């Protein structure tokens, strides 16, 4: 910080002169330089911002004219060495100095002015050197980030690290797309962010924020904000403006209007899954600041599309993944829900969804959403089939994000099952049959199924296989099976005995029934188109 008039007077070398303050105006103003003068008119020697050191002789015979000349030249004030405790200045000079907005201090004992100037000028030069070094550091940091095409989060982190203050990047909808807390609590910083930001259109405001627009004039796409009061306003402004320029350059290079928001949402999900964010309040605050509506339960949702053999171009696959992400986000929002979205695997979109249940329960809302997704995703080039899987809803955002793994497994299994009747799938919908559909191409699973059913498969006994399937589906209830097949019990018993003899197993044994049921699931999965 710059040396102020008050700090100069408080220096030990000045205190040795037993200073008496007659006028404390400009007391907190920074001193640009100290000037020692013994002539009656210094107006032509000053540039403004100086504190003058002089003697009573320097005031001359017209002290009023002397003070007026200092005020006209822009000086901050004067320190007068009287040379004796009994010497006094007329009280009228103190009044005049106050009127002229000048500091007036008298020293009742002699001091070495050169000692004062040496201390103060050393501090002034050091301060100027610090400013130059700070400017150079800021320039080098953001220039390097721009050259390396650093991520938006890296630019925001750099600004926060330099200022040692939290920094938030928001879009025009006042959603926080990048946050660097710099030691503060993210949940506290982002509490009710959208409303607080809308109440602060410019720097200052009720919360004393510092901010700058991001983007070319007339094409601004966001704001960079320090959401806490800052003591060094010029430095904060300079860093924000330099970071804003780096962000604007990043945006020009990327040329992706939705990229920043999607990167921020993907970054939040990755931070939670990788353990970089463990605080539930911080994750919730970031998610809500990115547009996720508050709810009592959050649903992990995974949408997966069928891959085609023709997908060999990685750029085409990437473009399709972006289109899928856009389509899923648009469909969720159009259905009246909110969410944060990411695409971490080819052909798959993960989402944390806050379901609006104003028109019914969550099951009805999810059913409607699943149907919309199936219809809308068919419009994406190259998509022929898609499934929507929903994990266990959670009250905590972090738990719901971790539930994306469960939803992803369900989506993978559901896609293999080729059941297009359900608008969405839960874990209870896939269970063991879904697992067998997923593992149907595994040679070990195929060998198991072939071994279990080989006697019936070798003689192409499709009718016996159907009877066995119905028998196992009814958990061995022969009376119910006879009724379903519309045959007599003796005829059914004879047929089951023949199947049992061919397979050489006990059809009443629980383990045998389980093994045969699994083998039939594998067979059914492989026979589906």
Protein backbone atom coordinates (compact mmCIF):
# COMPACT_ATOMS: atom_id res chain seq x y z
CA UNK A 1 0.00 0.00 0.00
CA UNK A 2 1.11 3.58 -0.66
CA UNK A 3 2.56 5.71 2.17
CA UNK A 4 -0.04 8.13 3.52
CA UNK A 5 0.46 11.56 5.11
CA UNK A 6 -0.46 10.15 8.51
CA UNK A 7 2.07 7.35 8.18
CA UNK A 8 4.84 9.85 7.38
CA UNK A 9 4.05 11.86 10.53
CA UNK A 10 4.01 8.64 12.58
CA UNK A 11 7.55 7.69 11.50
CA UNK A 12 9.99 7.54 14.44
CA UNK A 13 12.33 10.03 12.78
CA UNK A 14 9.47 12.56 12.51
CA UNK A 15 8.25 11.85 16.04
CA UNK A 16 11.65 12.93 17.31
CA UNK A 17 10.67 16.45 16.25
CA UNK A 18 7.68 16.47 18.65
CA UNK A 19 5.10 17.07 15.90
CA UNK A 20 1.92 19.02 16.53
CA UNK A 21 -0.93 18.54 14.07
CA UNK A 22 -2.66 21.84 13.31
CA UNK A 23 -4.67 20.52 10.34
CA UNK A 24 -5.30 16.82 9.63
CA UNK A 25 -6.83 17.29 6.20
CA UNK A 26 -5.57 14.81 3.52
CA UNK A 27 -4.34 12.63 6.41
CA UNK A 28 -5.10 9.34 4.62
CA UNK A 29 -4.04 10.44 1.13
CA UNK A 30 -1.07 8.62 -0.43
CA UNK A 31 2.12 10.64 -0.71
CA UNK A 32 3.57 10.71 -4.22
CA UNK A 33 6.87 12.28 -3.09
CA UNK A 34 8.50 14.33 -0.34
CA UNK A 35 9.84 17.74 -1.28
CA UNK A 36 12.25 19.79 0.84
CA UNK A 37 11.89 23.47 0.08
CA UNK A 38 13.20 26.67 1.61
CA UNK A 39 11.96 29.19 -0.92
CA UNK A 40 8.85 31.26 -0.48
CA UNK A 41 7.15 30.07 -3.70
CA UNK A 42 7.20 26.37 -4.58
CA UNK A 43 4.28 26.37 -6.99
CA UNK A 44 6.48 26.02 -10.06
CA UNK A 45 8.44 23.12 -8.53
CA UNK A 46 5.55 20.85 -7.58
CA UNK A 47 3.49 18.45 -9.70
CA UNK A 48 0.82 17.47 -7.18
CA UNK A 49 0.61 14.84 -4.45
CA UNK A 50 3.73 16.00 -2.60
CA UNK A 51 4.21 16.51 1.12
CA UNK A 52 6.53 19.50 1.70
CA UNK A 53 9.14 19.69 4.45
CA UNK A 54 10.29 23.22 5.32
CA UNK A 55 11.39 25.50 8.15
CA UNK A 56 9.72 28.52 9.64
CA UNK A 57 12.05 30.59 7.51
CA UNK A 58 10.70 28.82 4.45
CA UNK A 59 7.23 30.18 5.18
CA UNK A 60 8.69 33.60 4.57
CA UNK A 61 7.01 36.82 5.50
CA UNK A 62 3.75 35.81 3.76
CA UNK A 63 2.79 32.38 5.15
CA UNK A 64 -0.75 32.77 3.85
CA UNK A 65 0.51 33.20 0.30
CA UNK A 66 2.84 30.23 0.85
CA UNK A 67 -0.04 27.92 1.84
CA UNK A 68 -2.19 29.19 -1.00
CA UNK A 69 0.63 28.41 -3.45
CA UNK A 70 0.91 24.85 -2.10
CA UNK A 71 -2.84 24.31 -2.49
CA UNK A 72 -2.80 25.69 -6.04
CA UNK A 73 0.10 23.36 -6.96
CA UNK A 74 -1.80 20.29 -5.66
CA UNK A 75 0.41 19.57 -2.66
CA UNK A 76 -1.04 17.51 0.18
CA UNK A 77 0.37 19.67 2.97
CA UNK A 78 3.43 20.95 4.74
CA UNK A 79 5.53 19.92 7.75
CA UNK A 80 7.15 23.01 9.27
CA UNK A 81 10.17 22.81 11.55
CA UNK A 82 9.94 25.67 14.04
CA UNK A 83 13.18 24.87 15.79
CA UNK A 84 11.95 25.52 19.34
CA UNK A 85 9.10 24.49 21.61
CA UNK A 86 8.27 28.14 22.38
CA UNK A 87 7.79 29.08 18.74
CA UNK A 88 4.19 29.14 17.57
CA UNK A 89 2.40 29.73 14.31
CA UNK A 90 -0.56 32.06 14.22
CA UNK A 91 -3.83 30.11 14.85
CA UNK A 92 -5.21 31.69 11.69
CA UNK A 93 -2.78 29.54 9.63
CA UNK A 94 -4.33 26.36 11.00
CA UNK A 95 -7.77 27.63 9.99
CA UNK A 96 -6.48 28.59 6.56
CA UNK A 97 -4.82 25.20 6.04
CA UNK A 98 -8.09 23.51 6.92
CA UNK A 99 -9.96 25.70 4.44
CA UNK A 100 -7.38 25.01 1.73
CA UNK A 101 -7.62 21.22 2.39
CA UNK A 102 -3.96 21.00 3.40
CA UNK A 103 -2.19 19.08 6.12
CA UNK A 104 -0.31 21.39 8.49
CA UNK A 105 2.11 19.91 11.02
CA UNK A 106 4.69 21.79 13.06
CA UNK A 107 7.84 20.28 14.56
CA UNK A 108 9.04 21.79 17.81
CA UNK A 109 12.47 20.19 17.61
CA UNK A 110 14.96 19.96 14.80
CA UNK A 111 15.24 16.73 12.78
CA UNK A 112 17.26 15.70 9.75
CA UNK A 113 14.95 16.08 6.79
CA UNK A 114 17.22 13.84 4.74
CA UNK A 115 16.50 10.96 7.13
CA UNK A 116 12.78 11.42 6.53
CA UNK A 117 13.08 11.55 2.76
CA UNK A 118 15.34 8.49 2.74
CA UNK A 119 12.81 6.36 4.63
CA UNK A 120 9.74 7.58 2.76
CA UNK A 121 11.26 7.54 -0.70
CA UNK A 122 12.56 4.02 -0.14
CA UNK A 123 9.03 2.91 0.72
CA UNK A 124 7.53 4.77 -2.23
CA UNK A 125 10.02 3.25 -4.65
CA UNK A 126 9.48 -0.19 -3.13
CA UNK A 127 5.73 0.27 -3.54
CA UNK A 128 6.16 1.28 -7.15
CA UNK A 129 8.44 -1.69 -7.75
CA UNK A 130 5.84 -4.01 -6.18
CA UNK A 131 3.20 -2.59 -8.49
CA UNK A 132 5.41 -3.15 -11.52
CA UNK A 133 6.24 -6.69 -10.37
CA UNK A 134 2.55 -7.38 -9.71
CA UNK A 135 1.58 -6.08 -13.16
CA UNK A 136 4.27 -8.21 -14.75
CA UNK A 137 3.14 -11.32 -12.87
CA UNK A 138 -0.48 -10.80 -13.90
CA UNK A 139 0.54 -10.25 -17.51
CA UNK A 140 2.73 -13.37 -17.61
CA UNK A 141 0.15 -15.63 -15.92
CA UNK A 142 -2.74 -14.78 -18.19
CA UNK A 143 -0.62 -14.62 -21.32
CA UNK A 144 0.66 -18.13 -20.64
CA UNK A 145 -2.87 -19.38 -19.97
CA UNK A 146 -4.06 -17.85 -23.23
CA UNK A 147 -1.19 -19.40 -25.21
CA UNK A 148 -1.89 -22.81 -23.69
CA UNK A 149 -5.64 -22.46 -24.38
CA UNK A 150 -6.27 -23.20 -20.73
CA UNK A 151 -9.67 -24.23 -19.45
CA UNK A 152 -12.05 -21.59 -18.18
CA UNK A 153 -11.73 -22.98 -14.67
CA UNK A 154 -7.94 -22.58 -14.82
CA UNK A 155 -8.29 -18.89 -15.73
CA UNK A 156 -10.74 -18.27 -12.88
CA UNK A 157 -8.50 -20.19 -10.46
CA UNK A 158 -5.52 -18.08 -11.51
CA UNK A 159 -7.40 -14.84 -10.84
CA UNK A 160 -8.46 -16.06 -7.40
CA UNK A 161 -4.93 -17.20 -6.56
CA UNK A 162 -3.40 -13.86 -7.54
CA UNK A 163 -5.96 -11.82 -5.58
CA UNK A 164 -6.26 -14.33 -2.73
CA UNK A 165 -9.99 -13.66 -3.01
CA UNK A 166 -12.89 -15.76 -4.33
CA UNK A 167 -13.80 -15.27 -7.99
CA UNK A 168 -16.97 -16.34 -9.79
CA UNK A 169 -17.67 -16.45 -13.53
CA UNK A 170 -21.35 -16.26 -14.43
CA UNK A 171 -23.28 -16.23 -17.70
CA UNK A 172 -25.96 -13.75 -18.75
CA UNK A 173 -28.60 -15.83 -16.96
CA UNK A 174 -26.68 -15.24 -13.72
CA UNK A 175 -25.73 -18.90 -13.36
CA UNK A 176 -22.29 -19.51 -11.88
CA UNK A 177 -20.37 -21.55 -14.44
CA UNK A 178 -16.97 -21.41 -12.72
CA UNK A 179 -16.11 -20.83 -9.07
CA UNK A 180 -12.80 -20.51 -7.26
CA UNK A 181 -13.48 -20.05 -3.56
CA UNK A 182 -9.90 -19.17 -2.49
CA UNK A 183 -10.41 -20.61 0.97
CA UNK A 184 -13.97 -19.38 1.43
CA UNK A 185 -17.01 -21.64 1.72
CA UNK A 186 -18.43 -22.23 -1.75
CA UNK A 187 -21.88 -22.92 -0.31
CA UNK A 188 -21.88 -19.52 1.41
CA UNK A 189 -20.57 -17.70 -1.68
CA UNK A 190 -23.24 -19.18 -3.96
CA UNK A 191 -26.20 -19.00 -1.58
CA UNK A 192 -29.14 -17.52 -3.51
CA UNK A 193 -26.61 -16.54 -6.18
CA UNK A 194 -28.97 -15.63 -9.01
CA UNK A 195 -31.04 -13.17 -6.96
CA UNK A 196 -27.99 -11.57 -5.34
CA UNK A 197 -26.28 -11.19 -8.70
CA UNK A 198 -29.33 -9.57 -10.29
CA UNK A 199 -29.33 -6.99 -7.48
CA UNK A 200 -25.73 -6.05 -8.35
CA UNK A 201 -25.68 -4.73 -11.93
CA UNK A 202 -22.41 -2.83 -11.43
CA UNK A 203 -19.44 -2.82 -9.07
CA UNK A 204 -20.29 -1.89 -5.52
CA UNK A 205 -23.90 -2.47 -4.62
CA UNK A 206 -25.20 -3.63 -1.25
CA UNK A 207 -22.50 -6.31 -0.92
CA UNK A 208 -19.58 -4.26 -2.30
CA UNK A 209 -18.77 -6.64 -5.15
CA UNK A 210 -16.10 -5.93 -7.76
CA UNK A 211 -17.00 -7.10 -11.26
CA UNK A 212 -16.23 -6.71 -14.94
CA UNK A 213 -18.00 -7.83 -18.09
CA UNK A 214 -16.58 -10.66 -20.21
CA UNK A 215 -16.70 -10.52 -23.99
CA UNK A 216 -16.33 -7.84 -26.68
CA UNK A 217 -18.29 -4.63 -26.20
CA UNK A 218 -21.84 -5.20 -27.34
CA UNK A 219 -21.35 -8.99 -27.33
CA UNK A 220 -20.79 -9.60 -23.61
CA UNK A 221 -21.62 -13.16 -22.57
CA UNK A 222 -20.82 -13.13 -18.86
CA UNK A 223 -19.40 -11.35 -15.85
CA UNK A 224 -16.33 -12.00 -13.69
CA UNK A 225 -17.02 -11.19 -10.05
CA UNK A 226 -15.21 -10.93 -6.72
CA UNK A 227 -18.24 -11.50 -4.45
CA UNK A 228 -16.66 -10.06 -1.29
CA UNK A 229 -15.51 -6.56 -0.32
CA UNK A 230 -11.93 -5.91 -1.46
CA UNK A 231 -9.50 -3.45 0.11
CA UNK A 232 -7.27 -2.91 -2.93
CA UNK A 233 -9.78 -1.89 -5.58
CA UNK A 234 -7.33 -0.96 -8.38
CA UNK A 235 -5.52 -4.30 -8.19
CA UNK A 236 -8.78 -6.24 -8.15
CA UNK A 237 -10.07 -4.32 -11.15
CA UNK A 238 -6.85 -4.84 -13.08
CA UNK A 239 -6.79 -8.62 -12.45
CA UNK A 240 -10.46 -9.03 -13.33
CA UNK A 241 -10.00 -7.12 -16.57
CA UNK A 242 -6.93 -9.17 -17.52
CA UNK A 243 -8.72 -12.43 -16.68
CA UNK A 244 -11.74 -11.22 -18.64
CA UNK A 245 -9.57 -10.70 -21.71
CA UNK A 246 -8.16 -14.23 -21.37
CA UNK A 247 -11.68 -15.66 -21.04
CA UNK A 248 -12.87 -13.73 -24.08
CA UNK A 249 -9.92 -15.06 -26.09
CA UNK A 250 -10.69 -18.58 -24.89
CA UNK A 251 -14.28 -18.18 -26.04
CA UNK A 252 -13.23 -16.86 -29.45
CA UNK A 253 -10.96 -19.86 -29.97
CA UNK A 254 -13.55 -22.39 -28.86
CA UNK A 255 -16.45 -20.78 -30.72
CA UNK A 256 -18.96 -22.86 -28.77
CA UNK A 257 -21.91 -20.94 -27.39
CA UNK A 258 -22.93 -23.68 -24.96
CA UNK A 259 -19.51 -25.11 -24.18
CA UNK A 260 -18.78 -23.13 -21.04
CA UNK A 261 -22.02 -24.04 -19.32
CA UNK A 262 -21.67 -27.69 -20.23
CA UNK A 263 -18.04 -27.74 -19.11
CA UNK A 264 -19.09 -26.31 -15.76
CA UNK A 265 -21.80 -28.94 -15.30
CA UNK A 266 -19.47 -31.76 -16.35
CA UNK A 267 -16.80 -30.38 -14.04
CA UNK A 268 -19.16 -30.47 -11.06
CA UNK A 269 -20.12 -34.10 -11.70
CA UNK A 270 -16.47 -35.10 -12.21
CA UNK A 271 -15.40 -33.25 -9.04
CA UNK A 272 -17.93 -35.20 -6.97
CA UNK A 273 -17.17 -38.58 -8.56
CA UNK A 274 -13.40 -38.06 -8.25
CA UNK A 275 -13.69 -37.00 -4.60
CA UNK A 276 -12.49 -33.45 -5.19
CA UNK A 277 -15.75 -32.15 -3.73
CA UNK A 278 -16.96 -34.01 -0.66
CA UNK A 279 -18.91 -31.23 1.02
CA UNK A 280 -22.61 -31.74 0.25
CA UNK A 281 -23.39 -28.04 0.77
CA UNK A 282 -20.71 -26.97 -1.70
CA UNK A 283 -21.93 -29.45 -4.32
CA UNK A 284 -25.53 -28.34 -3.83
CA UNK A 285 -24.60 -24.66 -4.05
CA UNK A 286 -22.68 -25.20 -7.29
CA UNK A 287 -25.45 -27.32 -8.79
CA UNK A 288 -28.15 -24.77 -7.93
CA UNK A 289 -25.98 -21.95 -9.27
CA UNK A 290 -25.77 -23.91 -12.55
CA UNK A 291 -29.54 -24.09 -12.86
CA UNK A 292 -30.57 -27.21 -10.92
CA UNK A 293 -33.85 -26.48 -9.17
CA UNK A 294 -34.13 -27.22 -5.46
CA UNK A 295 -36.07 -30.40 -4.65
CA UNK A 296 -36.57 -32.91 -1.86
CA UNK A 297 -35.17 -35.69 -4.07
CA UNK A 298 -32.77 -35.65 -7.03
CA UNK A 299 -32.87 -38.38 -9.68
CA UNK A 300 -29.71 -39.78 -11.30
CA UNK A 301 -30.64 -40.35 -14.96
CA UNK A 302 -28.58 -41.96 -17.72
CA UNK A 303 -29.65 -41.93 -21.37
CA UNK A 304 -27.88 -44.41 -23.64
CA UNK A 305 -28.17 -44.86 -27.41
CA UNK A 306 -27.38 -47.90 -29.50
CA UNK A 307 -23.99 -47.86 -31.19
CA UNK A 308 -23.74 -48.62 -34.91
CA UNK A 309 -20.93 -50.42 -36.67
CA UNK A 310 -20.47 -47.49 -39.04
CA UNK A 311 -19.16 -45.19 -36.27
CA UNK A 312 -15.45 -45.16 -37.08
CA UNK A 313 -14.86 -41.40 -37.29
CA UNK A 314 -14.00 -40.07 -33.81
CA UNK A 315 -14.88 -36.49 -34.79
CA UNK A 316 -18.29 -37.58 -36.00
CA UNK A 317 -18.82 -39.49 -32.77
CA UNK A 318 -17.84 -36.43 -30.75
CA UNK A 319 -20.25 -34.23 -32.70
CA UNK A 320 -23.02 -36.75 -32.13
CA UNK A 321 -22.26 -36.84 -28.40
CA UNK A 322 -22.58 -33.05 -28.28
CA UNK A 323 -25.87 -33.29 -30.15
CA UNK A 324 -27.08 -35.97 -27.73
CA UNK A 325 -26.14 -33.83 -24.75
CA UNK A 326 -27.95 -30.82 -26.20
CA UNK A 327 -31.01 -32.91 -27.05
CA UNK A 328 -31.28 -34.47 -23.60
CA UNK A 329 -30.83 -31.12 -21.84
CA UNK A 330 -33.40 -29.47 -24.11
CA UNK A 331 -35.94 -32.27 -23.57
CA UNK A 332 -35.54 -32.23 -19.78
CA UNK A 333 -35.96 -28.46 -19.64
CA UNK A 334 -38.85 -28.46 -22.11
CA UNK A 335 -40.64 -30.99 -19.91
CA UNK A 336 -40.53 -28.50 -17.03
CA UNK A 337 -37.65 -30.10 -15.14
CA UNK A 338 -34.11 -28.89 -14.43
CA UNK A 339 -30.78 -30.67 -14.32
CA UNK A 340 -27.03 -30.72 -14.77
CA UNK A 341 -25.68 -32.84 -17.61
CA UNK A 342 -22.48 -34.46 -18.79
CA UNK A 343 -21.30 -36.87 -21.46
CA UNK A 344 -18.34 -38.90 -20.26
CA UNK A 345 -18.77 -41.97 -22.52
CA UNK A 346 -19.55 -42.34 -26.18
CA UNK A 347 -23.28 -42.58 -26.80
CA UNK A 348 -24.23 -41.88 -23.19
CA UNK A 349 -25.52 -38.81 -21.35
CA UNK A 350 -25.60 -38.61 -17.55
CA UNK A 351 -27.86 -36.17 -15.77
CA UNK A 352 -28.83 -35.15 -12.27
CA UNK A 353 -32.49 -34.16 -12.61
CA UNK A 354 -34.79 -32.20 -10.33
CA UNK A 355 -38.21 -33.52 -11.36
CA UNK A 356 -41.17 -31.15 -11.37
CA UNK A 357 -44.20 -33.00 -9.99
CA UNK A 358 -46.76 -30.20 -10.35
CA UNK A 359 -48.84 -32.38 -12.71
CA UNK A 360 -48.57 -35.65 -10.83
CA UNK A 361 -46.15 -37.88 -8.97
CA UNK A 362 -42.55 -38.50 -9.89
CA UNK A 363 -43.37 -41.81 -11.63
CA UNK A 364 -45.80 -40.06 -13.94
CA UNK A 365 -43.32 -37.28 -14.61
CA UNK A 366 -40.52 -39.76 -15.35
CA UNK A 367 -42.79 -41.78 -17.63
CA UNK A 368 -43.60 -38.65 -19.62
CA UNK A 369 -39.90 -37.66 -19.70
CA UNK A 370 -38.86 -41.14 -20.91
CA UNK A 371 -41.33 -41.00 -23.79
CA UNK A 372 -40.22 -37.49 -24.75
CA UNK A 373 -36.57 -38.54 -24.73
CA UNK A 374 -37.25 -41.57 -26.93
CA UNK A 375 -39.08 -39.40 -29.45
CA UNK A 376 -36.67 -36.46 -29.42
CA UNK A 377 -33.48 -38.53 -29.62
CA UNK A 378 -34.66 -40.18 -32.83
CA UNK A 379 -34.19 -36.77 -34.45
CA UNK A 380 -30.45 -36.88 -33.69
CA UNK A 381 -28.53 -38.07 -36.72
CA UNK A 382 -27.53 -41.73 -36.40
CA UNK A 383 -29.72 -42.60 -33.40
CA UNK A 384 -32.10 -45.53 -33.92
CA UNK A 385 -32.68 -46.73 -30.35
CA UNK A 386 -32.29 -45.20 -26.94
CA UNK A 387 -33.09 -46.11 -23.36
CA UNK A 388 -33.55 -44.00 -20.26
CA UNK A 389 -32.46 -45.40 -16.89
CA UNK A 390 -33.23 -43.85 -13.51
CA UNK A 391 -31.26 -44.57 -10.35
CA UNK A 392 -32.38 -44.32 -6.76
CA UNK A 393 -33.53 -40.77 -5.92
CA UNK A 394 -31.52 -39.10 -3.15
CA UNK A 395 -32.05 -36.05 -0.96
CA UNK A 396 -28.35 -35.17 -1.18
CA UNK A 397 -26.86 -33.92 -4.44
CA UNK A 398 -23.56 -35.76 -3.94
CA UNK A 399 -25.34 -39.06 -3.23
CA UNK A 400 -27.49 -38.60 -6.32
CA UNK A 401 -24.42 -37.94 -8.49
CA UNK A 402 -22.78 -41.09 -7.15
CA UNK A 403 -25.99 -42.92 -8.10
CA UNK A 404 -25.17 -42.29 -11.77
CA UNK A 405 -23.06 -45.47 -11.71
CA UNK A 406 -26.12 -47.54 -10.84
CA UNK A 407 -28.20 -45.79 -13.50
CA UNK A 408 -25.43 -46.33 -16.05
CA UNK A 409 -25.42 -50.08 -15.37
CA UNK A 410 -29.20 -50.21 -15.72
CA UNK A 411 -29.02 -48.28 -19.02
CA UNK A 412 -26.40 -50.65 -20.42
CA UNK A 413 -28.42 -53.71 -19.46
CA UNK A 414 -31.71 -52.22 -20.68
CA UNK A 415 -30.19 -51.47 -24.09
CA UNK A 416 -29.09 -55.11 -24.36
CA UNK A 417 -32.56 -56.38 -23.36
CA UNK A 418 -34.17 -54.59 -26.32
CA UNK A 419 -37.37 -53.99 -24.39
CA UNK A 420 -38.88 -50.94 -26.10
CA UNK A 421 -42.15 -51.01 -24.18
CA UNK A 422 -40.89 -49.29 -21.05
CA UNK A 423 -40.45 -45.48 -21.17
CA UNK A 424 -37.72 -45.74 -18.51
CA UNK A 425 -35.94 -48.43 -16.53
CA UNK A 426 -35.05 -48.86 -12.88
CA UNK A 427 -32.80 -51.51 -11.33
CA UNK A 428 -35.88 -53.56 -10.45
CA UNK A 429 -36.76 -53.76 -14.15
CA UNK A 430 -33.56 -55.46 -15.29
CA UNK A 431 -32.40 -57.68 -12.43
CA UNK A 432 -31.00 -61.09 -13.43
CA UNK A 433 -32.57 -61.17 -16.88
CA UNK A 434 -30.91 -57.87 -17.63
CA UNK A 435 -27.55 -59.16 -16.45
CA UNK A 436 -27.85 -62.19 -18.69
CA UNK A 437 -28.72 -59.94 -21.62
CA UNK A 438 -25.57 -57.96 -20.88
CA UNK A 439 -23.40 -61.08 -20.69
CA UNK A 440 -25.00 -62.96 -23.56
CA UNK A 441 -21.91 -62.70 -25.81
CA UNK A 442 -19.52 -63.98 -23.16
CA UNK A 443 -18.26 -67.45 -24.29
CA UNK A 444 -18.36 -68.77 -20.73
CA UNK A 445 -22.00 -67.78 -20.34
CA UNK A 446 -22.84 -69.28 -23.72
CA UNK A 447 -21.08 -72.52 -22.77
CA UNK A 448 -23.05 -72.66 -19.52
CA UNK A 449 -26.40 -72.24 -21.30
CA UNK A 450 -25.50 -74.80 -23.96
CA UNK A 451 -24.48 -77.34 -21.33
CA UNK A 452 -27.64 -76.87 -19.27
CA UNK A 453 -30.07 -77.14 -22.21
CA UNK A 454 -28.02 -79.30 -24.62
CA UNK A 455 -30.34 -82.39 -24.65
CA UNK A 456 -33.33 -80.24 -25.60
CA UNK A 457 -31.42 -78.07 -28.07
CA UNK A 458 -29.88 -81.07 -29.86
CA UNK A 459 -33.28 -82.56 -30.69
CA UNK A 460 -34.80 -79.12 -31.46
CA UNK A 461 -37.46 -79.59 -28.80
CA UNK A 462 -38.84 -76.06 -28.94
CA UNK A 463 -42.16 -77.19 -27.43
CA UNK A 464 -40.41 -78.78 -24.44
CA UNK A 465 -38.33 -75.60 -23.97
CA UNK A 466 -41.53 -73.54 -23.89
CA UNK A 467 -43.06 -75.89 -21.30
CA UNK A 468 -39.89 -75.66 -19.20
CA UNK A 469 -39.92 -71.86 -19.44
CA UNK A 470 -43.54 -71.70 -18.24
CA UNK A 471 -42.83 -74.22 -15.49
CA UNK A 472 -39.92 -72.19 -14.15
CA UNK A 473 -41.86 -68.95 -14.54
CA UNK A 474 -44.57 -70.38 -12.24
CA UNK A 475 -41.92 -71.50 -9.71
CA UNK A 476 -42.81 -75.18 -10.24
CA UNK A 477 -46.57 -74.86 -9.64
CA UNK A 478 -47.81 -77.81 -11.76
CA UNK A 479 -51.51 -77.21 -11.19
CA UNK A 480 -51.21 -73.62 -12.42
CA UNK A 481 -49.06 -74.77 -15.35
CA UNK A 482 -51.64 -77.37 -16.45
CA UNK A 483 -54.31 -74.71 -16.37
CA UNK A 484 -52.20 -72.27 -18.40
CA UNK A 485 -51.28 -74.88 -21.03
CA UNK A 486 -54.86 -76.24 -21.15
CA UNK A 487 -53.78 -79.86 -20.68
CA UNK A 488 -54.60 -82.44 -18.07
CA UNK A 489 -52.37 -82.96 -15.08
CA UNK A 490 -51.44 -86.57 -16.00
CA UNK A 491 -50.39 -85.39 -19.46
CA UNK A 492 -48.36 -82.58 -17.92
CA UNK A 493 -46.68 -84.90 -15.42
CA UNK A 494 -45.70 -87.25 -18.25
CA UNK A 495 -44.25 -84.36 -20.27
CA UNK A 496 -42.29 -82.96 -17.33
CA UNK A 497 -40.94 -86.44 -16.59
CA UNK A 498 -39.66 -86.70 -20.15
CA UNK A 499 -37.97 -83.27 -19.89
CA UNK A 500 -36.44 -84.21 -16.54
CA UNK A 501 -35.14 -87.51 -17.96
CA UNK A 502 -33.64 -85.74 -20.97
CA UNK A 503 -31.91 -83.10 -18.85
CA UNK A 504 -30.96 -85.58 -16.10
CA UNK A 505 -31.82 -83.14 -13.34
CA UNK A 506 -34.49 -82.96 -10.64
CA UNK A 507 -36.98 -80.29 -11.70
CA UNK A 508 -38.17 -79.95 -8.11
CA UNK A 509 -34.67 -79.04 -6.88
CA UNK A 510 -34.28 -75.29 -6.23
CA UNK A 511 -30.69 -75.05 -7.51
CA UNK A 512 -31.57 -76.96 -10.68
CA UNK A 513 -34.52 -74.67 -11.31
CA UNK A 514 -32.29 -71.60 -10.86
CA UNK A 515 -29.62 -72.92 -13.24
CA UNK A 516 -32.18 -73.77 -15.91
CA UNK A 517 -33.87 -70.38 -15.52
CA UNK A 518 -30.55 -68.59 -16.03
CA UNK A 519 -29.74 -70.73 -19.06
CA UNK A 520 -33.11 -69.88 -20.60
CA UNK A 521 -32.48 -66.17 -19.98
CA UNK A 522 -29.20 -66.43 -21.88
CA UNK A 523 -30.92 -68.33 -24.69
CA UNK A 524 -33.71 -65.75 -24.92
CA UNK A 525 -31.23 -62.88 -24.94
CA UNK A 526 -29.24 -64.42 -27.80
CA UNK A 527 -32.34 -65.19 -29.85
CA UNK A 528 -33.61 -61.59 -29.69
CA UNK A 529 -32.79 -59.52 -32.83
